[in-house]
Each structure stands twice: as C-alpha cells, then as structure tokens.
C-alpha cells in the first residue's frame, strides 16, 4: 500500500476509436513497407548485378560477401524502422501531438516520393535512364501511400482533434514574460 506522499499518476486517456485505427494503420504501413523491402532484398542476383556494375574489380566471393552484408544490414534497418513507426504510433495514440506531427511529416514525405515514383514510371522517365522499377514495388508503394493517407486524415478529423488538446497538463500556466505583459 503506498504511503500518503506517494505520487499517483493520472489515468491515461483512452484514445478515440479513429485514433486507435490510425495507430494500427501506421503500424500496418510499416509492416507493408518492410514486406516491400524484403521482396527487394530477396532478389540476390539483382543485388550482385548492381554490385558488379559499381565495382567491376571485385571477385565473386567479395560480391557474395557484400550482398550478404547488405541483406543483413537491410534487415536490421527494416526492423529498426518498424520499431520506430510502432513507437511513434503508440505515442500518437497516447495523445502526444509531437508524435502526430512527426508521423504526418513521415507519411507526407512517403506519399510525395511515392507519387514521384509513379509519375516517373508512367511518363517513361525511368526507362529513359535505364532504371527498372518492378510492378511489385509499385503495388507495395501504392498500398503504403493509401494506408498512410487514410491514417493522416484520421488523425486530423475534427471529431478527434480535441483528444490532443486535452492531453496538456491542466495545472501548468504559461510562463510569464520578463516585462510582466
């Protein structure tokens, strides 16, 4: 039993259903992005081909080692990004406005670059420069853009915007300026 001086933490606010849905959509987006990355990493021959084009002096053993190292590093990065997105989504669902803003910026950048990729493929720009973008990559990217867009819209609906305002500490007054005004 805690003593009379023990601090009691106020109960955490329960997120509205739309905010909870946005959280799970952001986590789903990260999982889909990780799946996209896994598909790209699974094409070992393509990785070795790119390494060979960049470093023609490397032997086959060195190319294999570099490809394996790249795959392991890529897997670690994918897991790290999944954890970061999960952390941010959970913070956002805990009424942290800074996490909502960070998720908005990340999702906005993802949507912007995804649209640029679609425009580049649709206009033939990628073919003109010899770049190959697989249809699977485009499908994964399109799905991620849709999920991110829906999640951002859900976070900013008027019916849930009060949730982020109500999370501010009640007893804290804004600091007084030095001149008293």
N, C-alpha and C. Protein backbone atom coordinates (compact mmCIF):
# COMPACT_ATOMS: atom_id res chain seq x y z
N UNK A 1 0.83 -1.17 0.00
CA UNK A 1 0.00 0.00 0.00
C UNK A 1 0.88 1.24 0.00
N UNK A 2 0.68 2.16 -0.94
CA UNK A 2 1.52 3.34 -0.99
C UNK A 2 1.21 4.28 0.16
N UNK A 3 2.24 5.00 0.58
CA UNK A 3 2.12 5.96 1.65
C UNK A 3 1.35 7.19 1.19
N UNK A 4 1.05 8.12 2.11
CA UNK A 4 0.27 9.30 1.75
C UNK A 4 1.02 10.25 0.82
N UNK A 5 2.34 10.16 0.82
CA UNK A 5 3.11 11.07 -0.04
C UNK A 5 3.42 10.47 -1.42
N UNK A 6 3.02 9.26 -1.65
CA UNK A 6 3.30 8.62 -2.95
C UNK A 6 2.50 9.33 -4.04
N UNK A 7 3.19 9.63 -5.12
CA UNK A 7 2.53 10.28 -6.25
C UNK A 7 1.68 9.27 -6.99
N UNK A 8 0.51 9.70 -7.32
CA UNK A 8 -0.35 8.84 -8.12
C UNK A 8 -0.42 9.45 -9.51
N UNK A 9 -0.17 8.61 -10.50
CA UNK A 9 -0.23 9.10 -11.87
C UNK A 9 -1.68 9.10 -12.32
N UNK A 10 -2.06 10.16 -13.02
CA UNK A 10 -3.44 10.19 -13.52
C UNK A 10 -3.63 9.09 -14.57
N UNK A 11 -4.84 8.59 -14.69
CA UNK A 11 -5.06 7.54 -15.68
C UNK A 11 -4.84 8.07 -17.09
N UNK A 12 -4.29 7.23 -17.92
CA UNK A 12 -4.06 7.63 -19.31
C UNK A 12 -5.39 7.71 -20.04
N UNK A 13 -5.54 8.74 -20.87
CA UNK A 13 -6.80 8.85 -21.60
C UNK A 13 -6.92 7.73 -22.64
N UNK A 14 -8.11 7.23 -22.78
CA UNK A 14 -8.36 6.20 -23.79
C UNK A 14 -8.49 6.88 -25.15
N UNK A 15 -7.72 6.45 -26.13
CA UNK A 15 -7.79 7.11 -27.43
C UNK A 15 -9.13 6.84 -28.11
N UNK A 16 -9.63 7.82 -28.85
CA UNK A 16 -10.85 7.58 -29.63
C UNK A 16 -10.60 6.46 -30.64
N UNK A 17 -11.67 5.84 -31.07
CA UNK A 17 -11.56 4.70 -32.00
C UNK A 17 -10.82 5.08 -33.28
N UNK A 18 -11.05 6.30 -33.78
CA UNK A 18 -10.37 6.72 -35.02
C UNK A 18 -8.87 6.88 -34.81
N UNK A 19 -8.47 7.35 -33.64
CA UNK A 19 -7.04 7.49 -33.34
C UNK A 19 -6.41 6.11 -33.20
N UNK A 20 -7.13 5.20 -32.54
CA UNK A 20 -6.63 3.83 -32.41
C UNK A 20 -6.50 3.18 -33.78
N UNK A 21 -7.48 3.43 -34.67
CA UNK A 21 -7.40 2.90 -36.03
C UNK A 21 -6.21 3.51 -36.77
N UNK A 22 -5.97 4.81 -36.59
CA UNK A 22 -4.81 5.46 -37.23
C UNK A 22 -3.51 4.82 -36.74
N UNK A 23 -3.45 4.53 -35.44
CA UNK A 23 -2.25 3.87 -34.90
C UNK A 23 -2.00 2.56 -35.62
N UNK A 24 -3.02 1.73 -35.73
CA UNK A 24 -2.85 0.42 -36.35
C UNK A 24 -2.57 0.54 -37.85
N UNK A 25 -3.12 1.58 -38.49
CA UNK A 25 -2.81 1.79 -39.90
C UNK A 25 -1.35 2.17 -40.11
N UNK A 26 -0.81 3.00 -39.22
CA UNK A 26 0.61 3.34 -39.33
C UNK A 26 1.49 2.11 -39.11
N UNK A 27 1.13 1.28 -38.17
CA UNK A 27 1.91 0.05 -37.94
C UNK A 27 1.77 -0.87 -39.14
N UNK A 28 0.56 -0.98 -39.70
CA UNK A 28 0.37 -1.79 -40.91
C UNK A 28 1.19 -1.25 -42.07
N UNK A 29 1.23 0.06 -42.21
CA UNK A 29 2.03 0.67 -43.27
C UNK A 29 3.50 0.31 -43.12
N UNK A 30 4.00 0.32 -41.89
CA UNK A 30 5.39 -0.05 -41.65
C UNK A 30 5.62 -1.53 -41.98
N UNK A 31 4.66 -2.38 -41.66
CA UNK A 31 4.79 -3.81 -41.98
C UNK A 31 4.77 -4.03 -43.49
N UNK A 32 3.89 -3.33 -44.19
CA UNK A 32 3.84 -3.44 -45.66
C UNK A 32 5.14 -2.91 -46.25
N UNK A 33 5.65 -1.81 -45.73
CA UNK A 33 6.94 -1.27 -46.20
C UNK A 33 8.07 -2.25 -45.96
N UNK A 34 8.02 -2.93 -44.81
CA UNK A 34 9.03 -3.94 -44.52
C UNK A 34 8.91 -5.11 -45.49
N UNK A 35 7.68 -5.50 -45.82
CA UNK A 35 7.47 -6.56 -46.81
C UNK A 35 8.02 -6.16 -48.17
N UNK A 36 7.79 -4.92 -48.55
CA UNK A 36 8.32 -4.40 -49.82
C UNK A 36 9.85 -4.49 -49.83
N UNK A 37 10.44 -4.10 -48.73
CA UNK A 37 11.89 -4.13 -48.61
C UNK A 37 12.40 -5.58 -48.67
N UNK A 38 11.68 -6.49 -48.04
CA UNK A 38 12.08 -7.90 -48.03
C UNK A 38 12.03 -8.48 -49.45
N UNK A 39 11.02 -8.09 -50.23
CA UNK A 39 10.93 -8.55 -51.61
C UNK A 39 12.14 -8.05 -52.41
N UNK A 40 12.50 -6.79 -52.19
CA UNK A 40 13.66 -6.24 -52.89
C UNK A 40 14.94 -6.95 -52.49
N UNK A 41 15.08 -7.24 -51.19
CA UNK A 41 16.30 -7.91 -50.72
C UNK A 41 16.36 -9.37 -51.14
N UNK A 42 15.22 -9.96 -51.44
CA UNK A 42 15.22 -11.38 -51.80
C UNK A 42 15.79 -11.63 -53.20
N UNK A 43 15.91 -10.59 -53.99
CA UNK A 43 16.48 -10.74 -55.34
C UNK A 43 18.00 -10.59 -55.25
N UNK A 44 18.64 -11.64 -54.79
CA UNK A 44 20.08 -11.62 -54.58
C UNK A 44 20.86 -11.41 -55.89
N UNK A 45 20.39 -12.00 -56.95
CA UNK A 45 21.08 -11.85 -58.25
C UNK A 45 21.08 -10.40 -58.71
N UNK A 46 19.96 -9.70 -58.47
CA UNK A 46 19.90 -8.29 -58.84
C UNK A 46 20.89 -7.48 -58.00
N UNK A 47 20.98 -7.81 -56.70
CA UNK A 47 21.93 -7.12 -55.84
C UNK A 47 23.37 -7.34 -56.30
N UNK A 48 23.69 -8.58 -56.63
CA UNK A 48 25.04 -8.89 -57.10
C UNK A 48 25.31 -8.19 -58.43
N UNK A 49 24.30 -8.15 -59.30
CA UNK A 49 24.45 -7.45 -60.58
C UNK A 49 24.75 -5.97 -60.39
N UNK A 50 24.04 -5.33 -59.44
CA UNK A 50 24.30 -3.92 -59.17
C UNK A 50 25.67 -3.71 -58.57
N UNK A 51 26.06 -4.61 -57.66
CA UNK A 51 27.41 -4.50 -57.08
C UNK A 51 28.48 -4.68 -58.15
N UNK A 52 28.26 -5.62 -59.05
CA UNK A 52 29.22 -5.87 -60.12
C UNK A 52 29.35 -4.65 -61.03
N UNK A 53 28.22 -3.97 -61.28
CA UNK A 53 28.25 -2.78 -62.14
C UNK A 53 28.99 -1.63 -61.44
N UNK A 54 28.85 -1.53 -60.13
CA UNK A 54 29.51 -0.46 -59.39
C UNK A 54 30.97 -0.76 -59.12
N UNK A 55 31.30 -2.01 -58.87
CA UNK A 55 32.67 -2.42 -58.52
C UNK A 55 33.09 -3.59 -59.43
N UNK A 56 33.45 -3.34 -60.68
CA UNK A 56 33.77 -4.43 -61.60
C UNK A 56 35.03 -5.21 -61.22
N UNK A 57 35.85 -4.68 -60.33
CA UNK A 57 37.10 -5.36 -59.97
C UNK A 57 36.92 -6.41 -58.88
N UNK A 58 35.74 -6.45 -58.25
CA UNK A 58 35.52 -7.42 -57.17
C UNK A 58 35.35 -8.83 -57.71
N UNK A 59 35.89 -9.78 -56.98
CA UNK A 59 35.70 -11.19 -57.34
C UNK A 59 34.35 -11.68 -56.85
N UNK A 60 34.00 -12.92 -57.25
CA UNK A 60 32.69 -13.46 -56.90
C UNK A 60 32.52 -13.62 -55.38
N UNK A 61 33.57 -14.07 -54.69
CA UNK A 61 33.49 -14.21 -53.24
C UNK A 61 33.23 -12.86 -52.56
N UNK A 62 33.90 -11.83 -53.04
CA UNK A 62 33.70 -10.49 -52.47
C UNK A 62 32.30 -9.97 -52.77
N UNK A 63 31.81 -10.26 -53.98
CA UNK A 63 30.45 -9.84 -54.33
C UNK A 63 29.42 -10.55 -53.45
N UNK A 64 29.62 -11.85 -53.23
CA UNK A 64 28.70 -12.62 -52.37
C UNK A 64 28.72 -12.08 -50.95
N UNK A 65 29.91 -11.79 -50.43
CA UNK A 65 30.02 -11.26 -49.07
C UNK A 65 29.37 -9.89 -48.96
N UNK A 66 29.58 -9.05 -49.96
CA UNK A 66 28.97 -7.71 -49.94
C UNK A 66 27.45 -7.81 -50.03
N UNK A 67 26.94 -8.71 -50.85
CA UNK A 67 25.49 -8.89 -50.96
C UNK A 67 24.91 -9.40 -49.65
N UNK A 68 25.57 -10.36 -49.02
CA UNK A 68 25.10 -10.88 -47.74
C UNK A 68 25.12 -9.79 -46.67
N UNK A 69 26.19 -9.02 -46.63
CA UNK A 69 26.27 -7.91 -45.67
C UNK A 69 25.18 -6.88 -45.92
N UNK A 70 24.91 -6.59 -47.17
CA UNK A 70 23.85 -5.63 -47.50
C UNK A 70 22.48 -6.14 -47.09
N UNK A 71 22.25 -7.43 -47.27
CA UNK A 71 20.96 -8.02 -46.89
C UNK A 71 20.78 -7.97 -45.37
N UNK A 72 21.82 -8.35 -44.63
CA UNK A 72 21.73 -8.32 -43.17
C UNK A 72 21.52 -6.90 -42.67
N UNK A 73 22.27 -5.95 -43.21
CA UNK A 73 22.11 -4.55 -42.83
C UNK A 73 20.70 -4.07 -43.17
N UNK A 74 20.21 -4.44 -44.35
CA UNK A 74 18.86 -4.07 -44.76
C UNK A 74 17.80 -4.62 -43.83
N UNK A 75 17.97 -5.87 -43.40
CA UNK A 75 17.01 -6.47 -42.47
C UNK A 75 17.02 -5.74 -41.13
N UNK A 76 18.20 -5.40 -40.65
CA UNK A 76 18.30 -4.66 -39.39
C UNK A 76 17.63 -3.29 -39.50
N UNK A 77 17.85 -2.62 -40.62
CA UNK A 77 17.22 -1.32 -40.83
C UNK A 77 15.70 -1.44 -40.92
N UNK A 78 15.21 -2.47 -41.58
CA UNK A 78 13.77 -2.67 -41.70
C UNK A 78 13.13 -2.90 -40.33
N UNK A 79 13.77 -3.70 -39.50
CA UNK A 79 13.26 -3.94 -38.15
C UNK A 79 13.31 -2.65 -37.33
N UNK A 80 14.38 -1.89 -37.46
CA UNK A 80 14.51 -0.63 -36.72
C UNK A 80 13.41 0.36 -37.14
N UNK A 81 13.14 0.45 -38.43
CA UNK A 81 12.09 1.36 -38.90
C UNK A 81 10.71 0.91 -38.42
N UNK A 82 10.48 -0.39 -38.40
CA UNK A 82 9.22 -0.91 -37.89
C UNK A 82 9.05 -0.54 -36.41
N UNK A 83 10.11 -0.67 -35.64
CA UNK A 83 10.06 -0.31 -34.23
C UNK A 83 9.83 1.20 -34.03
N UNK A 84 10.48 2.02 -34.84
CA UNK A 84 10.31 3.47 -34.74
C UNK A 84 8.87 3.86 -35.07
N UNK A 85 8.33 3.31 -36.16
CA UNK A 85 6.94 3.61 -36.53
C UNK A 85 5.98 3.16 -35.43
N UNK A 86 6.23 1.99 -34.85
CA UNK A 86 5.38 1.49 -33.79
C UNK A 86 5.45 2.41 -32.57
N UNK A 87 6.65 2.83 -32.21
CA UNK A 87 6.82 3.75 -31.08
C UNK A 87 6.09 5.06 -31.33
N UNK A 88 6.28 5.64 -32.51
CA UNK A 88 5.61 6.90 -32.84
C UNK A 88 4.10 6.74 -32.85
N UNK A 89 3.60 5.66 -33.42
CA UNK A 89 2.15 5.43 -33.48
C UNK A 89 1.58 5.27 -32.08
N UNK A 90 2.29 4.58 -31.21
CA UNK A 90 1.81 4.42 -29.84
C UNK A 90 1.85 5.74 -29.08
N UNK A 91 2.87 6.55 -29.31
CA UNK A 91 2.94 7.86 -28.67
C UNK A 91 1.80 8.75 -29.17
N UNK A 92 1.53 8.68 -30.46
CA UNK A 92 0.43 9.46 -31.02
C UNK A 92 -0.89 9.03 -30.39
N UNK A 93 -1.08 7.73 -30.22
CA UNK A 93 -2.31 7.24 -29.61
C UNK A 93 -2.39 7.60 -28.13
N UNK A 94 -1.26 7.96 -27.52
CA UNK A 94 -1.24 8.42 -26.14
C UNK A 94 -1.39 9.93 -26.06
N UNK A 95 -1.91 10.53 -27.12
CA UNK A 95 -2.21 11.97 -27.19
C UNK A 95 -0.98 12.85 -27.23
N UNK A 96 0.12 12.35 -27.76
CA UNK A 96 1.33 13.17 -27.92
C UNK A 96 1.26 13.86 -29.29
N UNK A 97 1.06 15.16 -29.26
CA UNK A 97 0.91 15.90 -30.51
C UNK A 97 2.20 15.89 -31.32
N UNK A 98 3.36 15.89 -30.67
CA UNK A 98 4.62 15.87 -31.40
C UNK A 98 4.72 14.59 -32.24
N UNK A 99 4.24 13.47 -31.72
CA UNK A 99 4.28 12.22 -32.48
C UNK A 99 3.33 12.29 -33.66
N UNK A 100 2.18 12.93 -33.49
CA UNK A 100 1.24 13.12 -34.60
C UNK A 100 1.90 13.94 -35.70
N UNK A 101 2.65 14.97 -35.32
CA UNK A 101 3.31 15.82 -36.31
C UNK A 101 4.41 15.04 -37.03
N UNK A 102 5.22 14.29 -36.29
CA UNK A 102 6.30 13.50 -36.90
C UNK A 102 5.71 12.47 -37.86
N UNK A 103 4.66 11.79 -37.46
CA UNK A 103 4.02 10.81 -38.34
C UNK A 103 3.45 11.48 -39.59
N UNK A 104 2.92 12.68 -39.42
CA UNK A 104 2.39 13.41 -40.58
C UNK A 104 3.51 13.75 -41.56
N UNK A 105 4.64 14.20 -41.04
CA UNK A 105 5.77 14.55 -41.91
C UNK A 105 6.29 13.30 -42.62
N UNK A 106 6.47 12.20 -41.89
CA UNK A 106 6.96 10.97 -42.50
C UNK A 106 5.99 10.44 -43.55
N UNK A 107 4.70 10.43 -43.22
CA UNK A 107 3.71 9.95 -44.17
C UNK A 107 3.63 10.87 -45.39
N UNK A 108 3.69 12.17 -45.16
CA UNK A 108 3.66 13.11 -46.27
C UNK A 108 4.84 12.94 -47.21
N UNK A 109 6.02 12.74 -46.63
CA UNK A 109 7.21 12.51 -47.47
C UNK A 109 7.07 11.20 -48.24
N UNK A 110 6.57 10.17 -47.59
CA UNK A 110 6.38 8.89 -48.27
C UNK A 110 5.39 8.99 -49.42
N UNK A 111 4.30 9.70 -49.19
CA UNK A 111 3.30 9.88 -50.24
C UNK A 111 3.86 10.71 -51.38
N UNK A 112 4.58 11.77 -51.06
CA UNK A 112 5.18 12.63 -52.09
C UNK A 112 6.15 11.84 -52.97
N UNK A 113 7.08 11.10 -52.35
CA UNK A 113 8.05 10.36 -53.14
C UNK A 113 7.41 9.19 -53.87
N UNK A 114 6.37 8.61 -53.29
CA UNK A 114 5.64 7.55 -53.98
C UNK A 114 4.95 8.08 -55.23
N UNK A 115 4.37 9.26 -55.12
CA UNK A 115 3.74 9.87 -56.30
C UNK A 115 4.78 10.22 -57.35
N UNK A 116 5.94 10.71 -56.91
CA UNK A 116 7.01 10.99 -57.88
C UNK A 116 7.44 9.72 -58.61
N UNK A 117 7.53 8.62 -57.88
CA UNK A 117 7.90 7.34 -58.50
C UNK A 117 6.85 6.92 -59.52
N UNK A 118 5.57 7.04 -59.17
CA UNK A 118 4.51 6.67 -60.10
C UNK A 118 4.53 7.55 -61.35
N UNK A 119 4.77 8.84 -61.17
CA UNK A 119 4.85 9.75 -62.31
C UNK A 119 6.06 9.41 -63.18
N UNK A 120 7.19 9.11 -62.55
CA UNK A 120 8.40 8.78 -63.30
C UNK A 120 8.20 7.50 -64.11
N UNK A 121 7.54 6.51 -63.54
CA UNK A 121 7.29 5.26 -64.27
C UNK A 121 6.26 5.49 -65.36
N UNK A 122 5.19 6.20 -65.04
CA UNK A 122 4.12 6.43 -66.01
C UNK A 122 4.56 7.27 -67.19
N UNK A 123 5.47 8.19 -66.97
CA UNK A 123 5.92 9.07 -68.06
C UNK A 123 7.06 8.46 -68.88
N UNK A 124 7.59 7.33 -68.44
CA UNK A 124 8.70 6.71 -69.16
C UNK A 124 10.06 7.25 -68.75
N UNK A 125 10.10 8.10 -67.76
CA UNK A 125 11.35 8.69 -67.29
C UNK A 125 12.32 7.62 -66.80
N UNK A 126 11.81 6.62 -66.09
CA UNK A 126 12.69 5.59 -65.55
C UNK A 126 13.31 4.76 -66.67
N UNK A 127 12.52 4.46 -67.69
CA UNK A 127 13.05 3.69 -68.82
C UNK A 127 14.10 4.48 -69.59
N UNK A 128 13.89 5.77 -69.71
CA UNK A 128 14.84 6.62 -70.45
C UNK A 128 16.22 6.60 -69.80
N UNK A 129 16.26 6.42 -68.49
CA UNK A 129 17.54 6.40 -67.79
C UNK A 129 17.98 4.99 -67.40
N UNK A 130 17.30 3.99 -67.93
CA UNK A 130 17.69 2.61 -67.68
C UNK A 130 17.38 2.10 -66.29
N UNK A 131 16.50 2.77 -65.59
CA UNK A 131 16.11 2.32 -64.26
C UNK A 131 14.95 1.34 -64.36
N UNK A 132 15.01 0.30 -63.56
CA UNK A 132 13.96 -0.71 -63.58
C UNK A 132 13.20 -0.64 -62.27
N UNK A 133 11.90 -0.45 -62.37
CA UNK A 133 11.03 -0.45 -61.20
C UNK A 133 10.04 -1.58 -61.40
N UNK A 134 10.07 -2.54 -60.49
CA UNK A 134 9.21 -3.71 -60.65
C UNK A 134 7.76 -3.37 -60.34
N UNK A 135 6.84 -4.06 -60.99
CA UNK A 135 5.42 -3.84 -60.70
C UNK A 135 5.08 -4.15 -59.24
N UNK A 136 5.76 -5.14 -58.66
CA UNK A 136 5.52 -5.48 -57.26
C UNK A 136 5.89 -4.30 -56.37
N UNK A 137 6.98 -3.64 -56.68
CA UNK A 137 7.41 -2.47 -55.92
C UNK A 137 6.37 -1.35 -56.02
N UNK A 138 5.81 -1.16 -57.21
CA UNK A 138 4.79 -0.13 -57.38
C UNK A 138 3.51 -0.47 -56.61
N UNK A 139 3.13 -1.74 -56.58
CA UNK A 139 1.93 -2.15 -55.85
C UNK A 139 2.13 -1.93 -54.35
N UNK A 140 3.27 -2.37 -53.83
CA UNK A 140 3.57 -2.15 -52.41
C UNK A 140 3.57 -0.65 -52.09
N UNK A 141 4.19 0.13 -52.95
CA UNK A 141 4.24 1.58 -52.73
C UNK A 141 2.86 2.21 -52.76
N UNK A 142 2.02 1.78 -53.68
CA UNK A 142 0.66 2.31 -53.76
C UNK A 142 -0.16 1.97 -52.52
N UNK A 143 -0.03 0.75 -52.06
CA UNK A 143 -0.74 0.33 -50.84
C UNK A 143 -0.28 1.15 -49.65
N UNK A 144 1.03 1.35 -49.53
CA UNK A 144 1.57 2.13 -48.42
C UNK A 144 1.09 3.58 -48.48
N UNK A 145 1.04 4.16 -49.67
CA UNK A 145 0.57 5.54 -49.79
C UNK A 145 -0.89 5.68 -49.37
N UNK A 146 -1.71 4.72 -49.76
CA UNK A 146 -3.13 4.78 -49.39
C UNK A 146 -3.30 4.64 -47.88
N UNK A 147 -2.59 3.67 -47.28
CA UNK A 147 -2.69 3.46 -45.83
C UNK A 147 -2.23 4.71 -45.08
N UNK A 148 -1.09 5.28 -45.50
CA UNK A 148 -0.58 6.49 -44.83
C UNK A 148 -1.55 7.66 -44.98
N UNK A 149 -2.09 7.83 -46.16
CA UNK A 149 -3.04 8.93 -46.39
C UNK A 149 -4.27 8.81 -45.51
N UNK A 150 -4.83 7.62 -45.41
CA UNK A 150 -6.01 7.41 -44.57
C UNK A 150 -5.66 7.66 -43.10
N UNK A 151 -4.50 7.18 -42.66
CA UNK A 151 -4.10 7.36 -41.26
C UNK A 151 -3.92 8.84 -40.92
N UNK A 152 -3.34 9.60 -41.82
CA UNK A 152 -3.15 11.04 -41.57
C UNK A 152 -4.50 11.74 -41.49
N UNK A 153 -5.40 11.42 -42.41
CA UNK A 153 -6.72 12.04 -42.38
C UNK A 153 -7.43 11.72 -41.06
N UNK A 154 -7.34 10.48 -40.62
CA UNK A 154 -7.99 10.09 -39.36
C UNK A 154 -7.45 10.88 -38.17
N UNK A 155 -6.16 11.17 -38.16
CA UNK A 155 -5.55 11.90 -37.04
C UNK A 155 -6.02 13.35 -36.95
N UNK A 156 -6.45 13.92 -38.07
CA UNK A 156 -6.80 15.33 -38.09
C UNK A 156 -8.29 15.60 -38.25
N UNK A 157 -9.11 14.59 -38.13
CA UNK A 157 -10.55 14.82 -38.20
C UNK A 157 -10.99 15.70 -37.02
N UNK A 158 -11.94 16.60 -37.26
CA UNK A 158 -12.37 17.49 -36.17
C UNK A 158 -12.90 16.73 -34.94
N UNK A 159 -13.48 15.56 -35.15
CA UNK A 159 -14.04 14.81 -34.03
C UNK A 159 -12.98 14.27 -33.08
N UNK A 160 -11.71 14.20 -33.51
CA UNK A 160 -10.66 13.68 -32.63
C UNK A 160 -9.59 14.71 -32.30
N UNK A 161 -9.67 15.89 -32.88
CA UNK A 161 -8.61 16.88 -32.63
C UNK A 161 -8.59 17.32 -31.17
N UNK A 162 -9.73 17.31 -30.49
CA UNK A 162 -9.77 17.67 -29.08
C UNK A 162 -9.01 16.70 -28.20
N UNK A 163 -8.84 15.50 -28.66
CA UNK A 163 -8.10 14.49 -27.90
C UNK A 163 -6.66 14.94 -27.66
N UNK A 164 -6.06 15.58 -28.63
CA UNK A 164 -4.67 16.03 -28.49
C UNK A 164 -4.60 17.30 -27.65
N UNK A 165 -5.60 18.14 -27.70
CA UNK A 165 -5.61 19.34 -26.86
C UNK A 165 -5.84 19.00 -25.40
N UNK A 166 -6.66 17.98 -25.15
CA UNK A 166 -6.99 17.65 -23.76
C UNK A 166 -5.84 16.96 -23.04
N UNK A 167 -4.80 16.58 -23.74
CA UNK A 167 -3.69 15.87 -23.11
C UNK A 167 -2.71 16.80 -22.43
N UNK A 168 -2.88 18.10 -22.58
CA UNK A 168 -1.97 19.05 -21.95
C UNK A 168 -2.18 19.05 -20.44
N UNK A 169 -1.13 19.29 -19.68
CA UNK A 169 -1.28 19.35 -18.24
C UNK A 169 -2.22 20.50 -17.85
N UNK A 170 -3.12 20.23 -16.93
CA UNK A 170 -4.14 21.21 -16.55
C UNK A 170 -3.59 22.28 -15.62
N UNK A 171 -2.76 21.92 -14.66
CA UNK A 171 -2.30 22.85 -13.65
C UNK A 171 -1.12 23.70 -14.06
N UNK A 172 -0.64 23.59 -15.25
CA UNK A 172 0.55 24.33 -15.67
C UNK A 172 0.10 25.61 -16.39
N UNK A 173 0.62 26.74 -15.90
CA UNK A 173 0.31 28.02 -16.52
C UNK A 173 1.43 28.40 -17.46
N UNK A 174 1.12 29.13 -18.52
CA UNK A 174 2.20 29.56 -19.42
C UNK A 174 3.17 30.47 -18.68
N UNK A 175 4.44 30.43 -19.04
CA UNK A 175 5.41 31.27 -18.34
C UNK A 175 5.12 32.75 -18.58
N UNK A 176 5.35 33.56 -17.54
CA UNK A 176 5.16 35.00 -17.64
C UNK A 176 6.39 35.61 -18.29
N UNK A 177 6.18 36.52 -19.23
CA UNK A 177 7.33 37.20 -19.82
C UNK A 177 8.03 38.07 -18.78
N UNK A 178 9.27 38.38 -19.01
CA UNK A 178 10.08 39.15 -18.03
C UNK A 178 9.54 40.54 -17.82
N UNK A 179 8.91 41.14 -18.83
CA UNK A 179 8.41 42.52 -18.67
C UNK A 179 7.03 42.56 -18.02
N UNK A 180 6.42 41.44 -17.71
CA UNK A 180 5.16 41.39 -17.00
C UNK A 180 3.92 41.43 -17.86
N UNK A 181 4.04 41.61 -19.15
CA UNK A 181 2.86 41.68 -20.03
C UNK A 181 2.46 40.34 -20.53
